[in-house]
Every structure is written in structure tokens, then in C-alpha cells.
C-alpha atoms as a PDB file:
ATOM      1  CA  UNK A   1     -33.513  -0.354  14.789  1.00  0.00           C
ATOM      2  CA  UNK A   2     -34.389  -3.199  12.434  1.00  0.00           C
ATOM      3  CA  UNK A   3     -32.042  -4.121   9.617  1.00  0.00           C
ATOM      4  CA  UNK A   4     -32.773  -6.590   6.833  1.00  0.00           C
ATOM      5  CA  UNK A   5     -30.044  -7.947   4.600  1.00  0.00           C
ATOM      6  CA  UNK A   6     -30.908  -7.704   0.902  1.00  0.00           C
ATOM      7  CA  UNK A   7     -27.643  -8.777  -0.740  1.00  0.00           C
ATOM      8  CA  UNK A   8     -23.885  -8.591  -1.014  1.00  0.00           C
ATOM      9  CA  UNK A   9     -21.607  -6.634  -3.326  1.00  0.00           C
ATOM     10  CA  UNK A  10     -19.340  -9.680  -3.631  1.00  0.00           C
ATOM     11  CA  UNK A  11     -21.119 -12.958  -4.397  1.00  0.00           C
ATOM     12  CA  UNK A  12     -18.344 -14.797  -2.537  1.00  0.00           C
ATOM     13  CA  UNK A  13     -15.791 -13.133  -0.251  1.00  0.00           C
ATOM     14  CA  UNK A  14     -12.746 -11.957  -2.184  1.00  0.00           C
ATOM     15  CA  UNK A  15     -14.260 -12.574  -5.625  1.00  0.00           C
ATOM     16  CA  UNK A  16     -14.996  -9.346  -7.521  1.00  0.00           C
ATOM     17  CA  UNK A  17     -18.612  -9.048  -8.675  1.00  0.00           C
ATOM     18  CA  UNK A  18     -19.479  -9.079 -12.358  1.00  0.00           C
ATOM     19  CA  UNK A  19     -21.540  -6.229 -13.873  1.00  0.00           C
ATOM     20  CA  UNK A  20     -24.708  -8.354 -14.101  1.00  0.00           C
ATOM     21  CA  UNK A  21     -24.565  -9.077 -10.369  1.00  0.00           C
ATOM     22  CA  UNK A  22     -24.145  -5.382  -9.559  1.00  0.00           C
ATOM     23  CA  UNK A  23     -27.094  -4.401 -11.766  1.00  0.00           C
ATOM     24  CA  UNK A  24     -29.257  -7.028 -10.028  1.00  0.00           C
ATOM     25  CA  UNK A  25     -28.097  -5.865  -6.583  1.00  0.00           C
ATOM     26  CA  UNK A  26     -28.955  -2.251  -7.409  1.00  0.00           C
ATOM     27  CA  UNK A  27     -32.437  -3.333  -8.557  1.00  0.00           C
ATOM     28  CA  UNK A  28     -33.010  -5.314  -5.364  1.00  0.00           C
ATOM     29  CA  UNK A  29     -31.789  -2.437  -3.205  1.00  0.00           C
ATOM     30  CA  UNK A  30     -34.137  -0.022  -4.980  1.00  0.00           C
ATOM     31  CA  UNK A  31     -37.106  -2.412  -4.761  1.00  0.00           C
ATOM     32  CA  UNK A  32     -36.471  -3.087  -1.076  1.00  0.00           C
ATOM     33  CA  UNK A  33     -35.802   0.617  -0.411  1.00  0.00           C
ATOM     34  CA  UNK A  34     -32.426  -0.182   1.144  1.00  0.00           C
ATOM     35  CA  UNK A  35     -31.166   2.936   2.863  1.00  0.00           C
ATOM     36  CA  UNK A  36     -27.607   1.794   3.637  1.00  0.00           C
ATOM     37  CA  UNK A  37     -24.816  -0.232   2.151  1.00  0.00           C
ATOM     38  CA  UNK A  38     -22.392  -1.408   4.829  1.00  0.00           C
ATOM     39  CA  UNK A  39     -18.784  -2.202   4.075  1.00  0.00           C
ATOM     40  CA  UNK A  40     -15.718  -3.054   6.085  1.00  0.00           C
ATOM     41  CA  UNK A  41     -13.072  -0.371   6.291  1.00  0.00           C
ATOM     42  CA  UNK A  42     -10.240  -2.373   4.741  1.00  0.00           C
ATOM     43  CA  UNK A  43     -11.868  -2.808   1.300  1.00  0.00           C
ATOM     44  CA  UNK A  44     -11.533  -0.468  -1.656  1.00  0.00           C
ATOM     45  CA  UNK A  45     -14.756   1.500  -1.690  1.00  0.00           C
ATOM     46  CA  UNK A  46     -14.983   2.268  -5.422  1.00  0.00           C
ATOM     47  CA  UNK A  47     -17.515  -0.438  -6.320  1.00  0.00           C
ATOM     48  CA  UNK A  48     -19.508  -0.060  -3.105  1.00  0.00           C
ATOM     49  CA  UNK A  49     -19.736   3.717  -3.671  1.00  0.00           C
ATOM     50  CA  UNK A  50     -21.086   3.184  -7.171  1.00  0.00           C
ATOM     51  CA  UNK A  51     -23.683   0.634  -6.015  1.00  0.00           C
ATOM     52  CA  UNK A  52     -24.822   2.827  -3.120  1.00  0.00           C
ATOM     53  CA  UNK A  53     -25.117   5.872  -5.377  1.00  0.00           C
ATOM     54  CA  UNK A  54     -27.092   4.048  -8.089  1.00  0.00           C
ATOM     55  CA  UNK A  55     -29.364   2.402  -5.484  1.00  0.00           C
ATOM     56  CA  UNK A  56     -30.014   5.654  -3.630  1.00  0.00           C
ATOM     57  CA  UNK A  57     -28.432   4.377  -0.421  1.00  0.00           C
ATOM     58  CA  UNK A  58     -25.825   5.751   1.949  1.00  0.00           C
ATOM     59  CA  UNK A  59     -22.452   4.020   2.030  1.00  0.00           C
ATOM     60  CA  UNK A  60     -21.246   3.340   5.558  1.00  0.00           C
ATOM     61  CA  UNK A  61     -17.623   2.338   5.969  1.00  0.00           C
ATOM     62  CA  UNK A  62     -17.547   0.590   9.320  1.00  0.00           C
ATOM     63  CA  UNK A  63     -14.507  -0.231  11.458  1.00  0.00           C
ATOM     64  CA  UNK A  64     -13.953  -3.956  11.869  1.00  0.00           C
ATOM     65  CA  UNK A  65     -11.270  -4.243  14.515  1.00  0.00           C
ATOM     66  CA  UNK A  66     -10.139  -2.770  17.791  1.00  0.00           C
ATOM     67  CA  UNK A  67      -7.522  -0.196  16.842  1.00  0.00           C
ATOM     68  CA  UNK A  68      -9.025   0.444  13.394  1.00  0.00           C
ATOM     69  CA  UNK A  69      -9.372   4.058  14.538  1.00  0.00           C
ATOM     70  CA  UNK A  70      -7.390   5.691  17.333  1.00  0.00           C
ATOM     71  CA  UNK A  71     -10.481   6.082  19.541  1.00  0.00           C
ATOM     72  CA  UNK A  72     -11.422   2.380  19.284  1.00  0.00           C
ATOM     73  CA  UNK A  73      -9.468   0.811  22.125  1.00  0.00           C
ATOM     74  CA  UNK A  74     -11.763  -2.111  23.017  1.00  0.00           C
ATOM     75  CA  UNK A  75     -14.543  -4.306  21.625  1.00  0.00           C
ATOM     76  CA  UNK A  76     -17.295  -2.292  23.315  1.00  0.00           C
ATOM     77  CA  UNK A  77     -16.133   0.935  21.680  1.00  0.00           C
ATOM     78  CA  UNK A  78     -15.903  -0.874  18.332  1.00  0.00           C
ATOM     79  CA  UNK A  79     -19.537  -2.014  18.552  1.00  0.00           C
ATOM     80  CA  UNK A  80     -20.699   1.359  19.884  1.00  0.00           C
ATOM     81  CA  UNK A  81     -18.949   3.156  16.994  1.00  0.00           C
ATOM     82  CA  UNK A  82     -20.575   0.940  14.351  1.00  0.00           C
ATOM     83  CA  UNK A  83     -24.032   1.250  15.936  1.00  0.00           C
ATOM     84  CA  UNK A  84     -23.674   5.023  16.218  1.00  0.00           C
ATOM     85  CA  UNK A  85     -22.731   5.299  12.530  1.00  0.00           C
ATOM     86  CA  UNK A  86     -25.750   3.230  11.524  1.00  0.00           C
ATOM     87  CA  UNK A  87     -28.151   5.174  13.754  1.00  0.00           C
ATOM     88  CA  UNK A  88     -26.891   8.515  12.406  1.00  0.00           C
ATOM     89  CA  UNK A  89     -27.297   7.322   8.797  1.00  0.00           C
ATOM     90  CA  UNK A  90     -30.994   6.497   9.210  1.00  0.00           C
END
């Protein structure tokens, strides 16, 4: 599976995006036909949900750490879980 990065919801980590940035990101996602928006499971998903919806993409909330979910007991299961989510969303 090939994945190309087309942008970020936050311009810089931890700094909330302004409306102009989000509008531009949605345009880029539409133009590039982005099918997924990936986010880490510890963030609030309100903004990411809105962007994904407006861009016509699926929002995937991915686990980021061992133990993030009860079934994720090691690094291999963490990676396998994230890859499985992405493959199923295609």
C-alpha cells in the first residue's frame, strides 16, 4: 500500500490551526484525492473529524503506544494494529 503525505492539521505540533490553514488543507486533500486522515489517539478529534468530513476522507484514530488498547501488549502488535486499520480503510 502506498501512502503520500499531503499535509498536517496542525502547522506545528501543539499549535492549533487557524481557519485559513484548515480551508487550504481541505482543498489540498480534495485535489489530491486523499482517502484518509490519520491522527494519534490522544488528541481531541473534533477538528480532525471536521477536516476529514469536508475533504471526503476517512478519519483513522491510530494507537500510538504499547498499552494504548488492552490488546496491544508489544511493539509488533502496535504496528500490526495500525497497518490493519489503514488497510481496512482503503
